[in-house]
């Protein structure tokens, strides 16, 4: 049994006005159409909702009990429809996104500020997590979209490029190579190399670039965060190769950055979404802003 909104509105209008003529005027429908709607509702519930006489139109006992229920149902329907309209109009809603730390601490804040200015009523949750966890979060639907390097595997996700990031060399102040404007990767391999832990995508790309050089550094320090890598370099423990997105962060930690000439590491950064999954209006607006501003 499914009563329509039209039937509920017809019943409530007649009950509140006590007149089919006034109710039809309120709803802007003809009296025959109104009568049919009420009759179908009565047939559906199995009894009369109104007591009709030549003098008056009154609610039946069952109709009196049902009236506040019908009024509440109509209010709930109206509120739900208004909420849905506000979601599409980006006047309310939630957005959950993820970004790898190098992007979250460099380019994302300006994008978030503009998004907030355009859509002040959207609640935003940002997860700054490593690339591998970010991709898993997108695949599992924990976040609607993420920004990270292009993954090796596109299983279950879609990648939309934003820009290319070419990794840079990170040196401690006073390093013999610091006077050079740019370096080659092979020049860094004479020093201790500080890099991210094995299993991370950045480490895999770094190892592949070192393999192309045909030799390895004398030793390797491992860390789990790029900020730790930068701090270790600044302390003079070695050199590193990190995404150019981290340049400002490395400088703030006291390290120096130099571009790498010739073969190095270059990866595309882009938007990662779950494959065959429709983004919400809030997420679509963020995607458009990223494509526009980054």
C-alpha atoms as a PDB file:
ATOM      1  CA  UNK A   1       0.000   0.000   0.000  1.00  0.00           C
ATOM      2  CA  UNK A   2       1.585   3.244  -1.199  1.00  0.00           C
ATOM      3  CA  UNK A   3      -0.324   6.490  -0.794  1.00  0.00           C
ATOM      4  CA  UNK A   4       0.915   9.229  -3.101  1.00  0.00           C
ATOM      5  CA  UNK A   5       1.948  12.686  -1.998  1.00  0.00           C
ATOM      6  CA  UNK A   6      -0.882  14.038  -4.158  1.00  0.00           C
ATOM      7  CA  UNK A   7      -3.427  11.971  -2.201  1.00  0.00           C
ATOM      8  CA  UNK A   8      -2.018  13.039   1.157  1.00  0.00           C
ATOM      9  CA  UNK A   9      -2.093  16.687   0.111  1.00  0.00           C
ATOM     10  CA  UNK A  10      -5.693  16.314  -1.037  1.00  0.00           C
ATOM     11  CA  UNK A  11      -6.750  14.734   2.268  1.00  0.00           C
ATOM     12  CA  UNK A  12      -4.955  17.348   4.405  1.00  0.00           C
ATOM     13  CA  UNK A  13      -6.289  20.274   2.357  1.00  0.00           C
ATOM     14  CA  UNK A  14      -9.901  19.057   2.649  1.00  0.00           C
ATOM     15  CA  UNK A  15      -9.459  18.311   6.358  1.00  0.00           C
ATOM     16  CA  UNK A  16      -7.976  21.728   7.111  1.00  0.00           C
ATOM     17  CA  UNK A  17     -10.459  23.749   5.061  1.00  0.00           C
ATOM     18  CA  UNK A  18     -13.536  21.595   5.666  1.00  0.00           C
ATOM     19  CA  UNK A  19     -14.496  22.153   2.036  1.00  0.00           C
ATOM     20  CA  UNK A  20     -13.718  20.471  -1.266  1.00  0.00           C
ATOM     21  CA  UNK A  21     -14.189  23.816  -3.039  1.00  0.00           C
ATOM     22  CA  UNK A  22     -11.675  25.656  -0.831  1.00  0.00           C
ATOM     23  CA  UNK A  23      -9.248  22.727  -0.902  1.00  0.00           C
ATOM     24  CA  UNK A  24      -9.304  22.536  -4.707  1.00  0.00           C
ATOM     25  CA  UNK A  25      -8.596  26.286  -4.846  1.00  0.00           C
ATOM     26  CA  UNK A  26      -5.697  25.938  -2.395  1.00  0.00           C
ATOM     27  CA  UNK A  27      -4.140  23.103  -4.414  1.00  0.00           C
ATOM     28  CA  UNK A  28      -4.999  24.637  -7.802  1.00  0.00           C
ATOM     29  CA  UNK A  29      -6.721  21.488  -9.050  1.00  0.00           C
ATOM     30  CA  UNK A  30     -10.297  20.797 -10.102  1.00  0.00           C
ATOM     31  CA  UNK A  31     -12.869  19.521  -7.607  1.00  0.00           C
ATOM     32  CA  UNK A  32     -13.394  16.257  -9.552  1.00  0.00           C
ATOM     33  CA  UNK A  33      -9.633  15.558  -9.468  1.00  0.00           C
ATOM     34  CA  UNK A  34      -9.564  16.349  -5.747  1.00  0.00           C
ATOM     35  CA  UNK A  35     -12.509  14.061  -5.063  1.00  0.00           C
ATOM     36  CA  UNK A  36     -10.858  11.225  -6.993  1.00  0.00           C
ATOM     37  CA  UNK A  37      -7.622  11.618  -4.999  1.00  0.00           C
ATOM     38  CA  UNK A  38      -9.474  11.469  -1.669  1.00  0.00           C
ATOM     39  CA  UNK A  39     -11.609   8.536  -2.829  1.00  0.00           C
ATOM     40  CA  UNK A  40      -8.554   6.539  -3.908  1.00  0.00           C
ATOM     41  CA  UNK A  41      -6.906   7.193  -0.546  1.00  0.00           C
ATOM     42  CA  UNK A  42     -10.043   5.983   1.267  1.00  0.00           C
ATOM     43  CA  UNK A  43     -10.156   2.860  -0.910  1.00  0.00           C
ATOM     44  CA  UNK A  44      -6.503   2.239  -0.145  1.00  0.00           C
ATOM     45  CA  UNK A  45      -6.916   2.498   3.656  1.00  0.00           C
ATOM     46  CA  UNK A  46     -10.164   0.551   3.585  1.00  0.00           C
ATOM     47  CA  UNK A  47     -12.629   3.052   5.003  1.00  0.00           C
ATOM     48  CA  UNK A  48     -14.004   6.594   5.015  1.00  0.00           C
ATOM     49  CA  UNK A  49     -11.807   9.448   6.182  1.00  0.00           C
ATOM     50  CA  UNK A  50     -14.649  11.986   6.049  1.00  0.00           C
ATOM     51  CA  UNK A  51     -18.250  11.969   7.203  1.00  0.00           C
ATOM     52  CA  UNK A  52     -20.269  13.709   4.503  1.00  0.00           C
ATOM     53  CA  UNK A  53     -23.730  15.240   4.908  1.00  0.00           C
ATOM     54  CA  UNK A  54     -25.763  17.878   3.106  1.00  0.00           C
ATOM     55  CA  UNK A  55     -24.802  20.418   5.761  1.00  0.00           C
ATOM     56  CA  UNK A  56     -21.229  19.673   6.764  1.00  0.00           C
ATOM     57  CA  UNK A  57     -18.059  17.789   5.971  1.00  0.00           C
ATOM     58  CA  UNK A  58     -16.268  16.344   8.989  1.00  0.00           C
ATOM     59  CA  UNK A  59     -13.430  13.968   9.618  1.00  0.00           C
ATOM     60  CA  UNK A  60     -14.315  10.422  10.610  1.00  0.00           C
ATOM     61  CA  UNK A  61     -12.745   9.149  13.851  1.00  0.00           C
ATOM     62  CA  UNK A  62     -10.110   7.368  11.772  1.00  0.00           C
ATOM     63  CA  UNK A  63      -9.573  10.529   9.732  1.00  0.00           C
ATOM     64  CA  UNK A  64      -8.988  12.552  12.910  1.00  0.00           C
ATOM     65  CA  UNK A  65      -6.305  10.098  14.020  1.00  0.00           C
ATOM     66  CA  UNK A  66      -4.684  10.087  10.592  1.00  0.00           C
ATOM     67  CA  UNK A  67      -4.622  13.874  10.041  1.00  0.00           C
ATOM     68  CA  UNK A  68      -1.578  14.703  12.250  1.00  0.00           C
ATOM     69  CA  UNK A  69       0.264  11.735  10.755  1.00  0.00           C
ATOM     70  CA  UNK A  70      -0.453  12.936   7.211  1.00  0.00           C
ATOM     71  CA  UNK A  71       0.578  16.489   8.109  1.00  0.00           C
ATOM     72  CA  UNK A  72       3.883  15.214   9.537  1.00  0.00           C
ATOM     73  CA  UNK A  73       4.521  13.074   6.459  1.00  0.00           C
ATOM     74  CA  UNK A  74       4.002  16.072   4.183  1.00  0.00           C
ATOM     75  CA  UNK A  75       6.324  18.232   6.297  1.00  0.00           C
ATOM     76  CA  UNK A  76       8.981  15.499   6.221  1.00  0.00           C
ATOM     77  CA  UNK A  77       8.598  15.168   2.455  1.00  0.00           C
ATOM     78  CA  UNK A  78       8.869  18.916   1.969  1.00  0.00           C
ATOM     79  CA  UNK A  79      11.934  19.126   4.228  1.00  0.00           C
ATOM     80  CA  UNK A  80      13.627  16.184   2.512  1.00  0.00           C
ATOM     81  CA  UNK A  81      12.993  17.641  -0.934  1.00  0.00           C
ATOM     82  CA  UNK A  82      14.292  21.040   0.175  1.00  0.00           C
ATOM     83  CA  UNK A  83      17.411  19.390   1.632  1.00  0.00           C
ATOM     84  CA  UNK A  84      18.002  17.581  -1.659  1.00  0.00           C
ATOM     85  CA  UNK A  85      17.655  20.817  -3.586  1.00  0.00           C
ATOM     86  CA  UNK A  86      20.157  22.486  -1.249  1.00  0.00           C
ATOM     87  CA  UNK A  87      22.595  19.617  -1.787  1.00  0.00           C
ATOM     88  CA  UNK A  88      22.449  20.074  -5.550  1.00  0.00           C
ATOM     89  CA  UNK A  89      22.701  23.843  -5.122  1.00  0.00           C
ATOM     90  CA  UNK A  90      25.736  23.312  -2.820  1.00  0.00           C
ATOM     91  CA  UNK A  91      23.975  25.198  -0.023  1.00  0.00           C
ATOM     92  CA  UNK A  92      24.645  22.316   2.351  1.00  0.00           C
ATOM     93  CA  UNK A  93      26.433  19.000   2.338  1.00  0.00           C
ATOM     94  CA  UNK A  94      29.671  17.231   3.195  1.00  0.00           C
ATOM     95  CA  UNK A  95      32.857  16.585   1.269  1.00  0.00           C
ATOM     96  CA  UNK A  96      35.533  14.075   2.196  1.00  0.00           C
ATOM     97  CA  UNK A  97      38.771  14.211   0.224  1.00  0.00           C
ATOM     98  CA  UNK A  98      42.336  12.976   0.611  1.00  0.00           C
ATOM     99  CA  UNK A  99      45.665  14.337  -0.556  1.00  0.00           C
ATOM    100  CA  UNK A 100      49.227  13.109  -0.285  1.00  0.00           C
ATOM    101  CA  UNK A 101      51.097  15.226   2.290  1.00  0.00           C
ATOM    102  CA  UNK A 102      53.331  16.959  -0.281  1.00  0.00           C
ATOM    103  CA  UNK A 103      50.246  18.308  -2.091  1.00  0.00           C
ATOM    104  CA  UNK A 104      48.189  18.867   1.079  1.00  0.00           C
ATOM    105  CA  UNK A 105      50.851  21.165   2.529  1.00  0.00           C
ATOM    106  CA  UNK A 106      51.639  23.085  -0.668  1.00  0.00           C
ATOM    107  CA  UNK A 107      48.896  23.649  -3.227  1.00  0.00           C
ATOM    108  CA  UNK A 108      45.761  22.324  -1.548  1.00  0.00           C
ATOM    109  CA  UNK A 109      45.243  25.097   1.074  1.00  0.00           C
ATOM    110  CA  UNK A 110      44.702  27.782  -1.593  1.00  0.00           C
ATOM    111  CA  UNK A 111      42.190  25.547  -3.380  1.00  0.00           C
ATOM    112  CA  UNK A 112      40.345  24.852  -0.119  1.00  0.00           C
ATOM    113  CA  UNK A 113      40.198  28.565   0.681  1.00  0.00           C
ATOM    114  CA  UNK A 114      38.579  29.352  -2.662  1.00  0.00           C
ATOM    115  CA  UNK A 115      36.205  26.406  -2.344  1.00  0.00           C
ATOM    116  CA  UNK A 116      35.181  27.597   1.107  1.00  0.00           C
ATOM    117  CA  UNK A 117      34.585  31.092  -0.214  1.00  0.00           C
ATOM    118  CA  UNK A 118      32.345  29.781  -2.996  1.00  0.00           C
ATOM    119  CA  UNK A 119      30.504  27.184  -0.926  1.00  0.00           C
ATOM    120  CA  UNK A 120      30.627  28.248   2.740  1.00  0.00           C
ATOM    121  CA  UNK A 121      27.962  25.768   3.869  1.00  0.00           C
ATOM    122  CA  UNK A 122      29.782  22.632   2.728  1.00  0.00           C
ATOM    123  CA  UNK A 123      31.531  20.790   5.574  1.00  0.00           C
ATOM    124  CA  UNK A 124      34.952  19.550   4.414  1.00  0.00           C
ATOM    125  CA  UNK A 125      37.040  16.704   5.811  1.00  0.00           C
ATOM    126  CA  UNK A 126      40.605  16.462   4.490  1.00  0.00           C
ATOM    127  CA  UNK A 127      42.830  13.429   5.033  1.00  0.00           C
ATOM    128  CA  UNK A 128      46.521  14.045   4.382  1.00  0.00           C
ATOM    129  CA  UNK A 129      47.784  10.489   3.981  1.00  0.00           C
ATOM    130  CA  UNK A 130      50.454   8.658   2.040  1.00  0.00           C
ATOM    131  CA  UNK A 131      49.691   7.717  -1.538  1.00  0.00           C
ATOM    132  CA  UNK A 132      49.119   4.012  -0.891  1.00  0.00           C
ATOM    133  CA  UNK A 133      46.580   4.676   1.875  1.00  0.00           C
ATOM    134  CA  UNK A 134      44.944   7.387  -0.226  1.00  0.00           C
ATOM    135  CA  UNK A 135      44.296   5.042  -3.136  1.00  0.00           C
ATOM    136  CA  UNK A 136      42.871   2.416  -0.782  1.00  0.00           C
ATOM    137  CA  UNK A 137      40.580   5.033   0.799  1.00  0.00           C
ATOM    138  CA  UNK A 138      39.241   6.024  -2.621  1.00  0.00           C
ATOM    139  CA  UNK A 139      38.697   2.417  -3.667  1.00  0.00           C
ATOM    140  CA  UNK A 140      36.805   1.655  -0.449  1.00  0.00           C
ATOM    141  CA  UNK A 141      34.705   4.831  -0.663  1.00  0.00           C
ATOM    142  CA  UNK A 142      36.095   6.354   2.533  1.00  0.00           C
ATOM    143  CA  UNK A 143      36.777   9.548   0.577  1.00  0.00           C
ATOM    144  CA  UNK A 144      35.157  10.716  -2.653  1.00  0.00           C
ATOM    145  CA  UNK A 145      38.328  11.841  -4.365  1.00  0.00           C
ATOM    146  CA  UNK A 146      42.023  12.177  -3.748  1.00  0.00           C
ATOM    147  CA  UNK A 147      45.022  13.973  -5.210  1.00  0.00           C
ATOM    148  CA  UNK A 148      48.200  11.942  -5.626  1.00  0.00           C
ATOM    149  CA  UNK A 149      50.803  10.731  -8.082  1.00  0.00           C
ATOM    150  CA  UNK A 150      49.586   8.539 -10.905  1.00  0.00           C
ATOM    151  CA  UNK A 151      49.514   4.987  -9.523  1.00  0.00           C
ATOM    152  CA  UNK A 152      51.097   2.012 -11.222  1.00  0.00           C
ATOM    153  CA  UNK A 153      47.797   0.131 -11.131  1.00  0.00           C
ATOM    154  CA  UNK A 154      44.453   1.693 -12.068  1.00  0.00           C
ATOM    155  CA  UNK A 155      42.373  -1.170 -10.700  1.00  0.00           C
ATOM    156  CA  UNK A 156      39.083   0.186  -9.364  1.00  0.00           C
ATOM    157  CA  UNK A 157      40.042   3.838  -9.819  1.00  0.00           C
ATOM    158  CA  UNK A 158      40.234   6.557 -12.457  1.00  0.00           C
ATOM    159  CA  UNK A 159      43.105   9.032 -12.758  1.00  0.00           C
ATOM    160  CA  UNK A 160      42.708  12.544 -14.185  1.00  0.00           C
ATOM    161  CA  UNK A 161      46.050  14.391 -14.566  1.00  0.00           C
ATOM    162  CA  UNK A 162      46.602  17.899 -13.201  1.00  0.00           C
ATOM    163  CA  UNK A 163      50.334  18.530 -13.723  1.00  0.00           C
ATOM    164  CA  UNK A 164      53.720  16.808 -13.791  1.00  0.00           C
ATOM    165  CA  UNK A 165      56.107  16.934 -10.844  1.00  0.00           C
ATOM    166  CA  UNK A 166      59.842  16.452 -11.416  1.00  0.00           C
ATOM    167  CA  UNK A 167      61.747  15.322  -8.342  1.00  0.00           C
ATOM    168  CA  UNK A 168      64.527  17.567  -6.991  1.00  0.00           C
ATOM    169  CA  UNK A 169      67.759  17.003  -5.099  1.00  0.00           C
ATOM    170  CA  UNK A 170      67.849  17.955  -1.408  1.00  0.00           C
ATOM    171  CA  UNK A 171      71.199  18.905   0.140  1.00  0.00           C
ATOM    172  CA  UNK A 172      72.371  20.108   3.536  1.00  0.00           C
ATOM    173  CA  UNK A 173      73.631  23.674   3.741  1.00  0.00           C
ATOM    174  CA  UNK A 174      77.330  23.845   2.985  1.00  0.00           C
ATOM    175  CA  UNK A 175      77.349  20.685   0.854  1.00  0.00           C
ATOM    176  CA  UNK A 176      80.041  20.699  -1.892  1.00  0.00           C
ATOM    177  CA  UNK A 177      77.338  20.391  -4.571  1.00  0.00           C
ATOM    178  CA  UNK A 178      75.278  23.286  -3.175  1.00  0.00           C
ATOM    179  CA  UNK A 179      77.073  25.819  -5.394  1.00  0.00           C
ATOM    180  CA  UNK A 180      75.782  24.128  -8.547  1.00  0.00           C
ATOM    181  CA  UNK A 181      72.571  25.382 -10.146  1.00  0.00           C
ATOM    182  CA  UNK A 182      71.491  21.891 -11.107  1.00  0.00           C
ATOM    183  CA  UNK A 183      72.718  18.356 -10.519  1.00  0.00           C
ATOM    184  CA  UNK A 184      72.645  14.967 -12.104  1.00  0.00           C
ATOM    185  CA  UNK A 185      71.266  12.043 -10.170  1.00  0.00           C
ATOM    186  CA  UNK A 186      74.583  10.213 -10.394  1.00  0.00           C
ATOM    187  CA  UNK A 187      76.320  13.009  -8.477  1.00  0.00           C
ATOM    188  CA  UNK A 188      74.106  12.357  -5.473  1.00  0.00           C
ATOM    189  CA  UNK A 189      75.078   8.717  -5.303  1.00  0.00           C
ATOM    190  CA  UNK A 190      78.461   9.550  -3.807  1.00  0.00           C
ATOM    191  CA  UNK A 191      76.682  10.441  -0.547  1.00  0.00           C
ATOM    192  CA  UNK A 192      74.483   8.658   1.930  1.00  0.00           C
ATOM    193  CA  UNK A 193      70.964   8.686   0.429  1.00  0.00           C
ATOM    194  CA  UNK A 194      68.037   9.415   2.713  1.00  0.00           C
ATOM    195  CA  UNK A 195      64.790   8.070   1.287  1.00  0.00           C
ATOM    196  CA  UNK A 196      61.344   6.838   2.207  1.00  0.00           C
ATOM    197  CA  UNK A 197      60.771   3.312   3.441  1.00  0.00           C
ATOM    198  CA  UNK A 198      60.640   0.322   1.119  1.00  0.00           C
ATOM    199  CA  UNK A 199      57.155  -0.339  -0.226  1.00  0.00           C
ATOM    200  CA  UNK A 200      56.268   3.296  -0.773  1.00  0.00           C
ATOM    201  CA  UNK A 201      55.732   4.424  -4.348  1.00  0.00           C
ATOM    202  CA  UNK A 202      58.314   7.210  -3.990  1.00  0.00           C
ATOM    203  CA  UNK A 203      60.909   4.648  -2.867  1.00  0.00           C
ATOM    204  CA  UNK A 204      60.101   2.377  -5.811  1.00  0.00           C
ATOM    205  CA  UNK A 205      60.593   5.241  -8.268  1.00  0.00           C
ATOM    206  CA  UNK A 206      63.796   6.320  -6.537  1.00  0.00           C
ATOM    207  CA  UNK A 207      65.192   2.770  -6.634  1.00  0.00           C
ATOM    208  CA  UNK A 208      64.306   2.497 -10.332  1.00  0.00           C
ATOM    209  CA  UNK A 209      66.121   5.765 -11.106  1.00  0.00           C
ATOM    210  CA  UNK A 210      69.188   4.616  -9.156  1.00  0.00           C
ATOM    211  CA  UNK A 211      69.153   1.296 -11.025  1.00  0.00           C
ATOM    212  CA  UNK A 212      69.280   3.186 -14.327  1.00  0.00           C
ATOM    213  CA  UNK A 213      72.482   4.855 -13.120  1.00  0.00           C
ATOM    214  CA  UNK A 214      74.088   1.447 -12.738  1.00  0.00           C
ATOM    215  CA  UNK A 215      75.425   2.027  -9.229  1.00  0.00           C
ATOM    216  CA  UNK A 216      74.199   2.567  -5.691  1.00  0.00           C
ATOM    217  CA  UNK A 217      74.977   5.070  -2.918  1.00  0.00           C
ATOM    218  CA  UNK A 218      77.368   3.953  -0.179  1.00  0.00           C
ATOM    219  CA  UNK A 219      74.466   3.577   2.257  1.00  0.00           C
ATOM    220  CA  UNK A 220      70.802   4.417   2.681  1.00  0.00           C
ATOM    221  CA  UNK A 221      68.822   5.891   5.557  1.00  0.00           C
ATOM    222  CA  UNK A 222      65.086   5.163   5.573  1.00  0.00           C
ATOM    223  CA  UNK A 223      62.263   7.286   6.993  1.00  0.00           C
ATOM    224  CA  UNK A 224      58.475   7.059   6.909  1.00  0.00           C
ATOM    225  CA  UNK A 225      57.690  10.747   6.337  1.00  0.00           C
ATOM    226  CA  UNK A 226      59.107  13.281   3.890  1.00  0.00           C
ATOM    227  CA  UNK A 227      59.401  15.819   6.710  1.00  0.00           C
ATOM    228  CA  UNK A 228      61.717  13.402   8.501  1.00  0.00           C
ATOM    229  CA  UNK A 229      63.725  12.973   5.295  1.00  0.00           C
ATOM    230  CA  UNK A 230      64.136  16.757   5.050  1.00  0.00           C
ATOM    231  CA  UNK A 231      65.094  17.121   8.694  1.00  0.00           C
ATOM    232  CA  UNK A 232      67.708  14.384   8.363  1.00  0.00           C
ATOM    233  CA  UNK A 233      69.204  16.055   5.300  1.00  0.00           C
ATOM    234  CA  UNK A 234      69.254  19.445   7.047  1.00  0.00           C
ATOM    235  CA  UNK A 235      71.119  17.785   9.926  1.00  0.00           C
ATOM    236  CA  UNK A 236      73.851  16.715   7.499  1.00  0.00           C
ATOM    237  CA  UNK A 237      73.126  12.990   7.529  1.00  0.00           C
ATOM    238  CA  UNK A 238      72.990  12.728   3.745  1.00  0.00           C
ATOM    239  CA  UNK A 239      71.172  13.836   0.592  1.00  0.00           C
ATOM    240  CA  UNK A 240      67.750  13.018  -0.787  1.00  0.00           C
ATOM    241  CA  UNK A 241      65.540  13.066  -3.863  1.00  0.00           C
ATOM    242  CA  UNK A 242      61.974  14.256  -3.238  1.00  0.00           C
ATOM    243  CA  UNK A 243      58.994  15.596  -5.204  1.00  0.00           C
ATOM    244  CA  UNK A 244      59.299  19.254  -6.195  1.00  0.00           C
ATOM    245  CA  UNK A 245      56.008  19.773  -4.338  1.00  0.00           C
ATOM    246  CA  UNK A 246      58.076  19.455  -1.144  1.00  0.00           C
ATOM    247  CA  UNK A 247      60.501  22.225  -2.063  1.00  0.00           C
ATOM    248  CA  UNK A 248      59.101  24.844   0.343  1.00  0.00           C
ATOM    249  CA  UNK A 249      58.848  22.289   3.107  1.00  0.00           C
ATOM    250  CA  UNK A 250      62.486  21.254   2.616  1.00  0.00           C
ATOM    251  CA  UNK A 251      63.617  24.889   2.670  1.00  0.00           C
ATOM    252  CA  UNK A 252      61.698  25.535   5.894  1.00  0.00           C
ATOM    253  CA  UNK A 253      63.479  22.567   7.472  1.00  0.00           C
ATOM    254  CA  UNK A 254      66.833  24.135   6.590  1.00  0.00           C
ATOM    255  CA  UNK A 255      67.802  22.021   3.586  1.00  0.00           C
ATOM    256  CA  UNK A 256      68.630  23.207   0.048  1.00  0.00           C
ATOM    257  CA  UNK A 257      66.927  22.121  -3.168  1.00  0.00           C
ATOM    258  CA  UNK A 258      68.425  21.852  -6.640  1.00  0.00           C
ATOM    259  CA  UNK A 259      66.839  20.682  -9.900  1.00  0.00           C
ATOM    260  CA  UNK A 260      68.032  17.387 -11.384  1.00  0.00           C
ATOM    261  CA  UNK A 261      69.178  17.587 -15.005  1.00  0.00           C
ATOM    262  CA  UNK A 262      68.907  14.735 -17.465  1.00  0.00           C
ATOM    263  CA  UNK A 263      67.172  11.474 -16.555  1.00  0.00           C
ATOM    264  CA  UNK A 264      65.495  11.756 -13.199  1.00  0.00           C
ATOM    265  CA  UNK A 265      62.101  11.069 -11.708  1.00  0.00           C
ATOM    266  CA  UNK A 266      59.015  12.726 -13.167  1.00  0.00           C
ATOM    267  CA  UNK A 267      55.482  11.692 -12.264  1.00  0.00           C
ATOM    268  CA  UNK A 268      52.051  13.035 -13.058  1.00  0.00           C
ATOM    269  CA  UNK A 269      49.910  14.325 -10.202  1.00  0.00           C
ATOM    270  CA  UNK A 270      46.166  14.117 -10.605  1.00  0.00           C
ATOM    271  CA  UNK A 271      42.691  13.467  -9.250  1.00  0.00           C
ATOM    272  CA  UNK A 272      41.872   9.914  -8.245  1.00  0.00           C
ATOM    273  CA  UNK A 273      38.231   8.795  -8.091  1.00  0.00           C
ATOM    274  CA  UNK A 274      36.477   5.477  -7.728  1.00  0.00           C
ATOM    275  CA  UNK A 275      35.688   3.912 -11.079  1.00  0.00           C
ATOM    276  CA  UNK A 276      32.026   3.825 -12.147  1.00  0.00           C
ATOM    277  CA  UNK A 277      30.991   5.862  -9.117  1.00  0.00           C
ATOM    278  CA  UNK A 278      29.049   9.107  -9.411  1.00  0.00           C
ATOM    279  CA  UNK A 279      30.548  11.968  -7.431  1.00  0.00           C
ATOM    280  CA  UNK A 280      28.325  14.129  -5.258  1.00  0.00           C
ATOM    281  CA  UNK A 281      27.683  17.722  -6.296  1.00  0.00           C
ATOM    282  CA  UNK A 282      30.146  18.881  -3.623  1.00  0.00           C
ATOM    283  CA  UNK A 283      32.871  16.565  -4.953  1.00  0.00           C
ATOM    284  CA  UNK A 284      32.161  17.566  -8.554  1.00  0.00           C
ATOM    285  CA  UNK A 285      32.633  21.207  -7.578  1.00  0.00           C
ATOM    286  CA  UNK A 286      35.978  20.373  -5.936  1.00  0.00           C
ATOM    287  CA  UNK A 287      37.100  18.427  -9.009  1.00  0.00           C
ATOM    288  CA  UNK A 288      36.246  21.388 -11.260  1.00  0.00           C
ATOM    289  CA  UNK A 289      38.127  23.788  -8.990  1.00  0.00           C
ATOM    290  CA  UNK A 290      41.218  21.556  -8.924  1.00  0.00           C
ATOM    291  CA  UNK A 291      41.226  21.362 -12.719  1.00  0.00           C
ATOM    292  CA  UNK A 292      40.773  25.134 -12.893  1.00  0.00           C
ATOM    293  CA  UNK A 293      43.314  26.252 -10.286  1.00  0.00           C
ATOM    294  CA  UNK A 294      46.059  23.637  -9.958  1.00  0.00           C
END
